[in-house]
């Protein structure tokens, strides 16, 4: 009996989020107090979101996920959903071989 694998449809997003900055150089007090956090840009397929985190990835094998960017939801300043979507499913190597 063949088991049916679960398919997931996910969409590409652009995300701007606030992140901490670490410095290791010497600065004057006047310069140091002007430091700010940074806005980071992440683009990827949103594979999960909750009240705590948004998880993005760009690399998949079937329904397995490669590298991930895990962003705290409270750090997100702007999130844009794009029309691009993919369906995570196993793709035969022979399909792309030639």
PDB file of N, CA and C in Angstrom:
ATOM      1  N   UNK A   1       0.846  -1.189   0.000  1.00  0.00           N
ATOM      2  CA  UNK A   1       0.000   0.000   0.000  1.00  0.00           C
ATOM      3  C   UNK A   1       0.884   1.243   0.000  1.00  0.00           C
ATOM      4  N   UNK A   2       0.655   2.147  -0.918  1.00  0.00           N
ATOM      5  CA  UNK A   2       1.411   3.380  -1.024  1.00  0.00           C
ATOM      6  C   UNK A   2       0.880   4.408  -0.036  1.00  0.00           C
ATOM      7  N   UNK A   3       1.815   5.063   0.670  1.00  0.00           N
ATOM      8  CA  UNK A   3       1.377   6.129   1.562  1.00  0.00           C
ATOM      9  C   UNK A   3       1.504   7.452   0.836  1.00  0.00           C
ATOM     10  N   UNK A   4       0.535   8.297   1.006  1.00  0.00           N
ATOM     11  CA  UNK A   4       0.542   9.601   0.360  1.00  0.00           C
ATOM     12  C   UNK A   4       1.342  10.573   1.216  1.00  0.00           C
ATOM     13  N   UNK A   5       2.329  11.220   0.590  1.00  0.00           N
ATOM     14  CA  UNK A   5       3.137  12.193   1.317  1.00  0.00           C
ATOM     15  C   UNK A   5       2.394  13.518   1.404  1.00  0.00           C
ATOM     16  N   UNK A   6       2.570  14.170   2.533  1.00  0.00           N
ATOM     17  CA  UNK A   6       1.927  15.459   2.755  1.00  0.00           C
ATOM     18  C   UNK A   6       2.615  16.529   1.906  1.00  0.00           C
ATOM     19  N   UNK A   7       1.830  17.380   1.267  1.00  0.00           N
ATOM     20  CA  UNK A   7       2.357  18.482   0.465  1.00  0.00           C
ATOM     21  C   UNK A   7       2.062  19.790   1.183  1.00  0.00           C
ATOM     22  N   UNK A   8       3.004  20.694   1.080  1.00  0.00           N
ATOM     23  CA  UNK A   8       2.851  22.020   1.693  1.00  0.00           C
ATOM     24  C   UNK A   8       3.010  23.079   0.611  1.00  0.00           C
ATOM     25  N   UNK A   9       2.104  24.031   0.558  1.00  0.00           N
ATOM     26  CA  UNK A   9       2.241  25.167  -0.347  1.00  0.00           C
ATOM     27  C   UNK A   9       2.718  26.339   0.479  1.00  0.00           C
ATOM     28  N   UNK A  10       3.841  26.934   0.045  1.00  0.00           N
ATOM     29  CA  UNK A  10       4.408  28.056   0.790  1.00  0.00           C
ATOM     30  C   UNK A  10       4.686  29.218  -0.158  1.00  0.00           C
ATOM     31  N   UNK A  11       4.682  30.423   0.382  1.00  0.00           N
ATOM     32  CA  UNK A  11       4.857  31.642  -0.409  1.00  0.00           C
ATOM     33  C   UNK A  11       6.153  32.356  -0.035  1.00  0.00           C
ATOM     34  N   UNK A  12       6.738  33.023  -1.042  1.00  0.00           N
ATOM     35  CA  UNK A  12       7.940  33.829  -0.836  1.00  0.00           C
ATOM     36  C   UNK A  12       7.541  35.144  -0.168  1.00  0.00           C
ATOM     37  N   UNK A  13       8.363  35.586   0.764  1.00  0.00           N
ATOM     38  CA  UNK A  13       8.119  36.836   1.495  1.00  0.00           C
ATOM     39  C   UNK A  13       9.392  37.671   1.538  1.00  0.00           C
ATOM     40  N   UNK A  14       9.220  38.966   1.659  1.00  0.00           N
ATOM     41  CA  UNK A  14      10.292  39.896   2.008  1.00  0.00           C
ATOM     42  C   UNK A  14      10.021  40.350   3.429  1.00  0.00           C
ATOM     43  N   UNK A  15      11.066  40.360   4.237  1.00  0.00           N
ATOM     44  CA  UNK A  15      10.891  40.688   5.652  1.00  0.00           C
ATOM     45  C   UNK A  15      11.990  41.651   6.097  1.00  0.00           C
ATOM     46  N   UNK A  16      11.591  42.768   6.706  1.00  0.00           N
ATOM     47  CA  UNK A  16      12.522  43.710   7.299  1.00  0.00           C
ATOM     48  C   UNK A  16      12.346  43.591   8.805  1.00  0.00           C
ATOM     49  N   UNK A  17      13.447  43.350   9.506  1.00  0.00           N
ATOM     50  CA  UNK A  17      13.358  43.143  10.948  1.00  0.00           C
ATOM     51  C   UNK A  17      14.533  43.782  11.678  1.00  0.00           C
ATOM     52  N   UNK A  18      14.283  44.113  12.935  1.00  0.00           N
ATOM     53  CA  UNK A  18      15.259  44.799  13.771  1.00  0.00           C
ATOM     54  C   UNK A  18      16.155  43.774  14.456  1.00  0.00           C
ATOM     55  N   UNK A  19      17.473  44.053  14.437  1.00  0.00           N
ATOM     56  CA  UNK A  19      18.419  43.126  15.054  1.00  0.00           C
ATOM     57  C   UNK A  19      19.423  43.896  15.905  1.00  0.00           C
ATOM     58  N   UNK A  20      19.981  43.205  16.864  1.00  0.00           N
ATOM     59  CA  UNK A  20      21.020  43.789  17.712  1.00  0.00           C
ATOM     60  C   UNK A  20      22.318  43.924  16.921  1.00  0.00           C
ATOM     61  N   UNK A  21      23.178  44.821  17.375  1.00  0.00           N
ATOM     62  CA  UNK A  21      24.484  45.020  16.761  1.00  0.00           C
ATOM     63  C   UNK A  21      25.535  44.872  17.851  1.00  0.00           C
ATOM     64  N   UNK A  22      26.599  44.172  17.517  1.00  0.00           N
ATOM     65  CA  UNK A  22      27.708  44.017  18.446  1.00  0.00           C
ATOM     66  C   UNK A  22      28.937  44.689  17.842  1.00  0.00           C
ATOM     67  N   UNK A  23      29.669  45.408  18.637  1.00  0.00           N
ATOM     68  CA  UNK A  23      30.880  46.087  18.165  1.00  0.00           C
ATOM     69  C   UNK A  23      32.066  45.661  19.035  1.00  0.00           C
ATOM     70  N   UNK A  24      33.234  45.640  18.426  1.00  0.00           N
ATOM     71  CA  UNK A  24      34.427  45.299  19.211  1.00  0.00           C
ATOM     72  C   UNK A  24      35.549  46.313  19.005  1.00  0.00           C
ATOM     73  N   UNK A  25      35.207  47.513  18.518  1.00  0.00           N
ATOM     74  CA  UNK A  25      36.227  48.534  18.340  1.00  0.00           C
ATOM     75  C   UNK A  25      36.087  49.606  19.426  1.00  0.00           C
ATOM     76  N   UNK A  26      37.180  50.300  19.656  1.00  0.00           N
ATOM     77  CA  UNK A  26      37.169  51.383  20.625  1.00  0.00           C
ATOM     78  C   UNK A  26      36.556  52.624  19.993  1.00  0.00           C
ATOM     79  N   UNK A  27      35.664  53.270  20.751  1.00  0.00           N
ATOM     80  CA  UNK A  27      35.024  54.506  20.295  1.00  0.00           C
ATOM     81  C   UNK A  27      34.935  55.465  21.468  1.00  0.00           C
ATOM     82  N   UNK A  28      34.836  56.708  21.156  1.00  0.00           N
ATOM     83  CA  UNK A  28      34.630  57.693  22.223  1.00  0.00           C
ATOM     84  C   UNK A  28      33.214  57.528  22.768  1.00  0.00           C
ATOM     85  N   UNK A  29      33.005  58.013  23.942  1.00  0.00           N
ATOM     86  CA  UNK A  29      31.684  57.968  24.560  1.00  0.00           C
ATOM     87  C   UNK A  29      30.660  58.653  23.660  1.00  0.00           C
ATOM     88  N   UNK A  30      31.019  59.817  23.112  1.00  0.00           N
ATOM     89  CA  UNK A  30      30.106  60.589  22.265  1.00  0.00           C
ATOM     90  C   UNK A  30      29.685  59.811  21.005  1.00  0.00           C
ATOM     91  N   UNK A  31      30.599  59.041  20.444  1.00  0.00           N
ATOM     92  CA  UNK A  31      30.289  58.232  19.262  1.00  0.00           C
ATOM     93  C   UNK A  31      29.479  56.998  19.669  1.00  0.00           C
ATOM     94  N   UNK A  32      29.878  56.351  20.756  1.00  0.00           N
ATOM     95  CA  UNK A  32      29.220  55.109  21.202  1.00  0.00           C
ATOM     96  C   UNK A  32      27.736  55.318  21.498  1.00  0.00           C
ATOM     97  N   UNK A  33      27.377  56.450  22.094  1.00  0.00           N
ATOM     98  CA  UNK A  33      25.971  56.668  22.458  1.00  0.00           C
ATOM     99  C   UNK A  33      25.084  56.971  21.255  1.00  0.00           C
ATOM    100  N   UNK A  34      25.684  57.148  20.082  1.00  0.00           N
ATOM    101  CA  UNK A  34      24.908  57.367  18.858  1.00  0.00           C
ATOM    102  C   UNK A  34      24.578  56.060  18.142  1.00  0.00           C
ATOM    103  N   UNK A  35      25.071  54.938  18.658  1.00  0.00           N
ATOM    104  CA  UNK A  35      24.844  53.627  18.027  1.00  0.00           C
ATOM    105  C   UNK A  35      23.373  53.243  18.070  1.00  0.00           C
ATOM    106  N   UNK A  36      22.943  52.518  17.053  1.00  0.00           N
ATOM    107  CA  UNK A  36      21.549  52.064  16.995  1.00  0.00           C
ATOM    108  C   UNK A  36      21.511  50.593  16.586  1.00  0.00           C
ATOM    109  N   UNK A  37      20.351  50.001  16.750  1.00  0.00           N
ATOM    110  CA  UNK A  37      20.125  48.659  16.221  1.00  0.00           C
ATOM    111  C   UNK A  37      20.091  48.762  14.699  1.00  0.00           C
ATOM    112  N   UNK A  38      20.074  47.636  14.002  1.00  0.00           N
ATOM    113  CA  UNK A  38      20.070  47.645  12.539  1.00  0.00           C
ATOM    114  C   UNK A  38      18.800  46.988  12.011  1.00  0.00           C
ATOM    115  N   UNK A  39      18.407  47.387  10.802  1.00  0.00           N
ATOM    116  CA  UNK A  39      17.301  46.743  10.114  1.00  0.00           C
ATOM    117  C   UNK A  39      17.903  45.723   9.148  1.00  0.00           C
ATOM    118  N   UNK A  40      17.462  44.491   9.243  1.00  0.00           N
ATOM    119  CA  UNK A  40      17.951  43.388   8.420  1.00  0.00           C
ATOM    120  C   UNK A  40      16.867  43.038   7.408  1.00  0.00           C
ATOM    121  N   UNK A  41      17.285  42.676   6.193  1.00  0.00           N
ATOM    122  CA  UNK A  41      16.347  42.253   5.154  1.00  0.00           C
ATOM    123  C   UNK A  41      16.543  40.762   4.917  1.00  0.00           C
ATOM    124  N   UNK A  42      15.463  40.021   4.974  1.00  0.00           N
ATOM    125  CA  UNK A  42      15.470  38.589   4.678  1.00  0.00           C
ATOM    126  C   UNK A  42      14.428  38.324   3.609  1.00  0.00           C
ATOM    127  N   UNK A  43      14.803  37.520   2.611  1.00  0.00           N
ATOM    128  CA  UNK A  43      13.845  37.088   1.592  1.00  0.00           C
ATOM    129  C   UNK A  43      13.873  35.571   1.564  1.00  0.00           C
ATOM    130  N   UNK A  44      12.702  34.970   1.615  1.00  0.00           N
ATOM    131  CA  UNK A  44      12.629  33.515   1.586  1.00  0.00           C
ATOM    132  C   UNK A  44      11.197  33.052   1.622  1.00  0.00           C
ATOM    133  N   UNK A  45      11.053  31.752   1.619  1.00  0.00           N
ATOM    134  CA  UNK A  45       9.728  31.149   1.711  1.00  0.00           C
ATOM    135  C   UNK A  45       9.372  30.993   3.179  1.00  0.00           C
ATOM    136  N   UNK A  46       8.241  31.557   3.570  1.00  0.00           N
ATOM    137  CA  UNK A  46       7.787  31.500   4.958  1.00  0.00           C
ATOM    138  C   UNK A  46       7.217  30.110   5.209  1.00  0.00           C
ATOM    139  N   UNK A  47       7.931  29.315   6.008  1.00  0.00           N
ATOM    140  CA  UNK A  47       7.494  27.936   6.252  1.00  0.00           C
ATOM    141  C   UNK A  47       6.693  27.791   7.540  1.00  0.00           C
ATOM    142  N   UNK A  48       6.799  28.795   8.428  1.00  0.00           N
ATOM    143  CA  UNK A  48       6.034  28.735   9.685  1.00  0.00           C
ATOM    144  C   UNK A  48       5.979  30.128  10.288  1.00  0.00           C
ATOM    145  N   UNK A  49       4.842  30.446  10.885  1.00  0.00           N
ATOM    146  CA  UNK A  49       4.749  31.680  11.667  1.00  0.00           C
ATOM    147  C   UNK A  49       3.897  31.416  12.892  1.00  0.00           C
ATOM    148  N   UNK A  50       4.267  32.083  13.975  1.00  0.00           N
ATOM    149  CA  UNK A  50       3.519  31.981  15.226  1.00  0.00           C
ATOM    150  C   UNK A  50       3.631  33.326  15.929  1.00  0.00           C
ATOM    151  N   UNK A  51       3.078  33.412  17.104  1.00  0.00           N
ATOM    152  CA  UNK A  51       3.178  34.665  17.860  1.00  0.00           C
ATOM    153  C   UNK A  51       4.619  34.931  18.288  1.00  0.00           C
ATOM    154  N   UNK A  52       5.461  33.884  18.276  1.00  0.00           N
ATOM    155  CA  UNK A  52       6.841  34.028  18.727  1.00  0.00           C
ATOM    156  C   UNK A  52       7.868  34.171  17.599  1.00  0.00           C
ATOM    157  N   UNK A  53       7.712  33.385  16.512  1.00  0.00           N
ATOM    158  CA  UNK A  53       8.726  33.371  15.458  1.00  0.00           C
ATOM    159  C   UNK A  53       8.115  33.270  14.066  1.00  0.00           C
ATOM    160  N   UNK A  54       8.873  33.742  13.089  1.00  0.00           N
ATOM    161  CA  UNK A  54       8.614  33.517  11.668  1.00  0.00           C
ATOM    162  C   UNK A  54       9.844  32.765  11.157  1.00  0.00           C
ATOM    163  N   UNK A  55       9.643  31.659  10.439  1.00  0.00           N
ATOM    164  CA  UNK A  55      10.760  30.849   9.949  1.00  0.00           C
ATOM    165  C   UNK A  55      10.745  30.861   8.429  1.00  0.00           C
ATOM    166  N   UNK A  56      11.892  31.271   7.841  1.00  0.00           N
ATOM    167  CA  UNK A  56      12.052  31.370   6.392  1.00  0.00           C
ATOM    168  C   UNK A  56      13.114  30.374   5.937  1.00  0.00           C
ATOM    169  N   UNK A  57      12.964  29.886   4.697  1.00  0.00           N
ATOM    170  CA  UNK A  57      13.992  29.042   4.088  1.00  0.00           C
ATOM    171  C   UNK A  57      13.956  29.246   2.585  1.00  0.00           C
ATOM    172  N   UNK A  58      15.063  28.902   1.918  1.00  0.00           N
ATOM    173  CA  UNK A  58      15.143  28.975   0.462  1.00  0.00           C
ATOM    174  C   UNK A  58      15.564  27.649  -0.156  1.00  0.00           C
ATOM    175  N   UNK A  59      15.872  26.635   0.669  1.00  0.00           N
ATOM    176  CA  UNK A  59      16.408  25.383   0.154  1.00  0.00           C
ATOM    177  C   UNK A  59      15.569  24.217   0.650  1.00  0.00           C
ATOM    178  N   UNK A  60      15.123  23.389  -0.315  1.00  0.00           N
ATOM    179  CA  UNK A  60      14.234  22.274   0.015  1.00  0.00           C
ATOM    180  C   UNK A  60      14.600  21.030  -0.784  1.00  0.00           C
ATOM    181  N   UNK A  61      14.413  19.873  -0.182  1.00  0.00           N
ATOM    182  CA  UNK A  61      14.434  18.593  -0.892  1.00  0.00           C
ATOM    183  C   UNK A  61      13.129  17.910  -0.499  1.00  0.00           C
ATOM    184  N   UNK A  62      12.195  17.868  -1.441  1.00  0.00           N
ATOM    185  CA  UNK A  62      10.875  17.341  -1.078  1.00  0.00           C
ATOM    186  C   UNK A  62      10.304  18.177   0.043  1.00  0.00           C
ATOM    187  N   UNK A  63       9.965  17.537   1.146  1.00  0.00           N
ATOM    188  CA  UNK A  63       9.437  18.285   2.287  1.00  0.00           C
ATOM    189  C   UNK A  63      10.490  18.492   3.372  1.00  0.00           C
ATOM    190  N   UNK A  64      11.768  18.250   3.046  1.00  0.00           N
ATOM    191  CA  UNK A  64      12.847  18.534   3.998  1.00  0.00           C
ATOM    192  C   UNK A  64      13.349  19.957   3.775  1.00  0.00           C
ATOM    193  N   UNK A  65      13.678  20.610   4.882  1.00  0.00           N
ATOM    194  CA  UNK A  65      14.055  22.022   4.862  1.00  0.00           C
ATOM    195  C   UNK A  65      15.554  22.154   5.069  1.00  0.00           C
ATOM    196  N   UNK A  66      16.203  23.004   4.232  1.00  0.00           N
ATOM    197  CA  UNK A  66      17.625  23.299   4.391  1.00  0.00           C
ATOM    198  C   UNK A  66      17.824  24.395   5.419  1.00  0.00           C
ATOM    199  N   UNK A  67      18.713  25.345   5.098  1.00  0.00           N
ATOM    200  CA  UNK A  67      19.008  26.414   6.054  1.00  0.00           C
ATOM    201  C   UNK A  67      17.743  27.194   6.385  1.00  0.00           C
ATOM    202  N   UNK A  68      17.722  27.728   7.589  1.00  0.00           N
ATOM    203  CA  UNK A  68      16.552  28.460   8.059  1.00  0.00           C
ATOM    204  C   UNK A  68      16.972  29.783   8.673  1.00  0.00           C
ATOM    205  N   UNK A  69      16.135  30.784   8.507  1.00  0.00           N
ATOM    206  CA  UNK A  69      16.301  32.056   9.204  1.00  0.00           C
ATOM    207  C   UNK A  69      15.115  32.169  10.144  1.00  0.00           C
ATOM    208  N   UNK A  70      15.391  32.166  11.425  1.00  0.00           N
ATOM    209  CA  UNK A  70      14.347  32.209  12.444  1.00  0.00           C
ATOM    210  C   UNK A  70      14.342  33.614  13.038  1.00  0.00           C
ATOM    211  N   UNK A  71      13.266  34.349  12.780  1.00  0.00           N
ATOM    212  CA  UNK A  71      13.170  35.755  13.172  1.00  0.00           C
ATOM    213  C   UNK A  71      12.109  35.887  14.266  1.00  0.00           C
ATOM    214  N   UNK A  72      12.456  36.521  15.389  1.00  0.00           N
ATOM    215  CA  UNK A  72      11.433  36.757  16.411  1.00  0.00           C
ATOM    216  C   UNK A  72      10.323  37.639  15.841  1.00  0.00           C
ATOM    217  N   UNK A  73       9.094  37.229  16.013  1.00  0.00           N
ATOM    218  CA  UNK A  73       7.946  37.974  15.480  1.00  0.00           C
ATOM    219  C   UNK A  73       7.947  39.414  15.972  1.00  0.00           C
ATOM    220  N   UNK A  74       8.294  39.632  17.215  1.00  0.00           N
ATOM    221  CA  UNK A  74       8.272  40.992  17.776  1.00  0.00           C
ATOM    222  C   UNK A  74       9.325  41.908  17.136  1.00  0.00           C
ATOM    223  N   UNK A  75      10.306  41.331  16.408  1.00  0.00           N
ATOM    224  CA  UNK A  75      11.343  42.132  15.754  1.00  0.00           C
ATOM    225  C   UNK A  75      10.962  42.571  14.345  1.00  0.00           C
ATOM    226  N   UNK A  76       9.891  41.980  13.796  1.00  0.00           N
ATOM    227  CA  UNK A  76       9.512  42.262  12.410  1.00  0.00           C
ATOM    228  C   UNK A  76       8.872  43.649  12.303  1.00  0.00           C
ATOM    229  N   UNK A  77       9.431  44.455  11.386  1.00  0.00           N
ATOM    230  CA  UNK A  77       8.923  45.805  11.146  1.00  0.00           C
ATOM    231  C   UNK A  77       8.013  45.855   9.928  1.00  0.00           C
ATOM    232  N   UNK A  78       8.308  45.008   8.907  1.00  0.00           N
ATOM    233  CA  UNK A  78       7.501  44.982   7.691  1.00  0.00           C
ATOM    234  C   UNK A  78       7.615  43.593   7.071  1.00  0.00           C
ATOM    235  N   UNK A  79       6.482  43.065   6.599  1.00  0.00           N
ATOM    236  CA  UNK A  79       6.447  41.747   5.975  1.00  0.00           C
ATOM    237  C   UNK A  79       5.585  41.833   4.721  1.00  0.00           C
ATOM    238  N   UNK A  80       6.153  41.455   3.564  1.00  0.00           N
ATOM    239  CA  UNK A  80       5.438  41.527   2.289  1.00  0.00           C
ATOM    240  C   UNK A  80       5.346  40.125   1.699  1.00  0.00           C
ATOM    241  N   UNK A  81       4.124  39.692   1.421  1.00  0.00           N
ATOM    242  CA  UNK A  81       3.890  38.392   0.792  1.00  0.00           C
ATOM    243  C   UNK A  81       3.885  38.577  -0.720  1.00  0.00           C
ATOM    244  N   UNK A  82       4.679  37.764  -1.420  1.00  0.00           N
ATOM    245  CA  UNK A  82       4.743  37.819  -2.876  1.00  0.00           C
ATOM    246  C   UNK A  82       3.842  36.748  -3.483  1.00  0.00           C
ATOM    247  N   UNK A  83       3.601  36.837  -4.767  1.00  0.00           N
ATOM    248  CA  UNK A  83       2.740  35.865  -5.448  1.00  0.00           C
ATOM    249  C   UNK A  83       3.438  34.532  -5.682  1.00  0.00           C
ATOM    250  N   UNK A  84       4.789  34.520  -5.676  1.00  0.00           N
ATOM    251  CA  UNK A  84       5.544  33.295  -5.919  1.00  0.00           C
ATOM    252  C   UNK A  84       5.213  32.263  -4.849  1.00  0.00           C
ATOM    253  N   UNK A  85       4.955  31.056  -5.275  1.00  0.00           N
ATOM    254  CA  UNK A  85       4.711  29.982  -4.317  1.00  0.00           C
ATOM    255  C   UNK A  85       5.335  28.702  -4.850  1.00  0.00           C
ATOM    256  N   UNK A  86       5.600  27.793  -3.937  1.00  0.00           N
ATOM    257  CA  UNK A  86       6.064  26.467  -4.337  1.00  0.00           C
ATOM    258  C   UNK A  86       5.282  25.437  -3.541  1.00  0.00           C
ATOM    259  N   UNK A  87       5.200  24.263  -4.115  1.00  0.00           N
ATOM    260  CA  UNK A  87       4.587  23.133  -3.419  1.00  0.00           C
ATOM    261  C   UNK A  87       5.721  22.188  -3.076  1.00  0.00           C
ATOM    262  N   UNK A  88       5.920  21.960  -1.787  1.00  0.00           N
ATOM    263  CA  UNK A  88       6.995  21.083  -1.364  1.00  0.00           C
ATOM    264  C   UNK A  88       6.587  19.640  -1.603  1.00  0.00           C
ATOM    265  N   UNK A  89       7.273  19.007  -2.540  1.00  0.00           N
ATOM    266  CA  UNK A  89       7.034  17.606  -2.839  1.00  0.00           C
ATOM    267  C   UNK A  89       8.304  17.030  -3.447  1.00  0.00           C
ATOM    268  N   UNK A  90       8.451  15.751  -3.358  1.00  0.00           N
ATOM    269  CA  UNK A  90       9.621  15.086  -3.909  1.00  0.00           C
ATOM    270  C   UNK A  90       9.605  15.212  -5.441  1.00  0.00           C
ATOM    271  N   UNK A  91      10.766  15.592  -6.013  1.00  0.00           N
ATOM    272  CA  UNK A  91      10.892  15.714  -7.462  1.00  0.00           C
ATOM    273  C   UNK A  91      11.907  14.683  -7.918  1.00  0.00           C
ATOM    274  N   UNK A  92      11.555  13.920  -8.913  1.00  0.00           N
ATOM    275  CA  UNK A  92      12.439  12.887  -9.424  1.00  0.00           C
ATOM    276  C   UNK A  92      13.687  13.502 -10.035  1.00  0.00           C
ATOM    277  N   UNK A  93      14.847  12.951  -9.686  1.00  0.00           N
ATOM    278  CA  UNK A  93      16.116  13.424 -10.249  1.00  0.00           C
ATOM    279  C   UNK A  93      16.107  13.261 -11.763  1.00  0.00           C
ATOM    280  N   UNK A  94      15.526  12.186 -12.255  1.00  0.00           N
ATOM    281  CA  UNK A  94      15.477  11.921 -13.694  1.00  0.00           C
ATOM    282  C   UNK A  94      14.764  13.040 -14.461  1.00  0.00           C
ATOM    283  N   UNK A  95      13.842  13.731 -13.814  1.00  0.00           N
ATOM    284  CA  UNK A  95      13.122  14.834 -14.438  1.00  0.00           C
ATOM    285  C   UNK A  95      14.077  15.935 -14.905  1.00  0.00           C
ATOM    286  N   UNK A  96      15.144  16.180 -14.143  1.00  0.00           N
ATOM    287  CA  UNK A  96      16.067  17.267 -14.435  1.00  0.00           C
ATOM    288  C   UNK A  96      17.412  16.773 -14.990  1.00  0.00           C
ATOM    289  N   UNK A  97      17.578  15.487 -15.086  1.00  0.00           N
ATOM    290  CA  UNK A  97      18.857  14.900 -15.462  1.00  0.00           C
ATOM    291  C   UNK A  97      19.313  15.318 -16.864  1.00  0.00           C
ATOM    292  N   UNK A  98      18.435  15.368 -17.819  1.00  0.00           N
ATOM    293  CA  UNK A  98      18.837  15.690 -19.191  1.00  0.00           C
ATOM    294  C   UNK A  98      18.285  17.005 -19.647  1.00  0.00           C
TER     295      UNK A  98
END
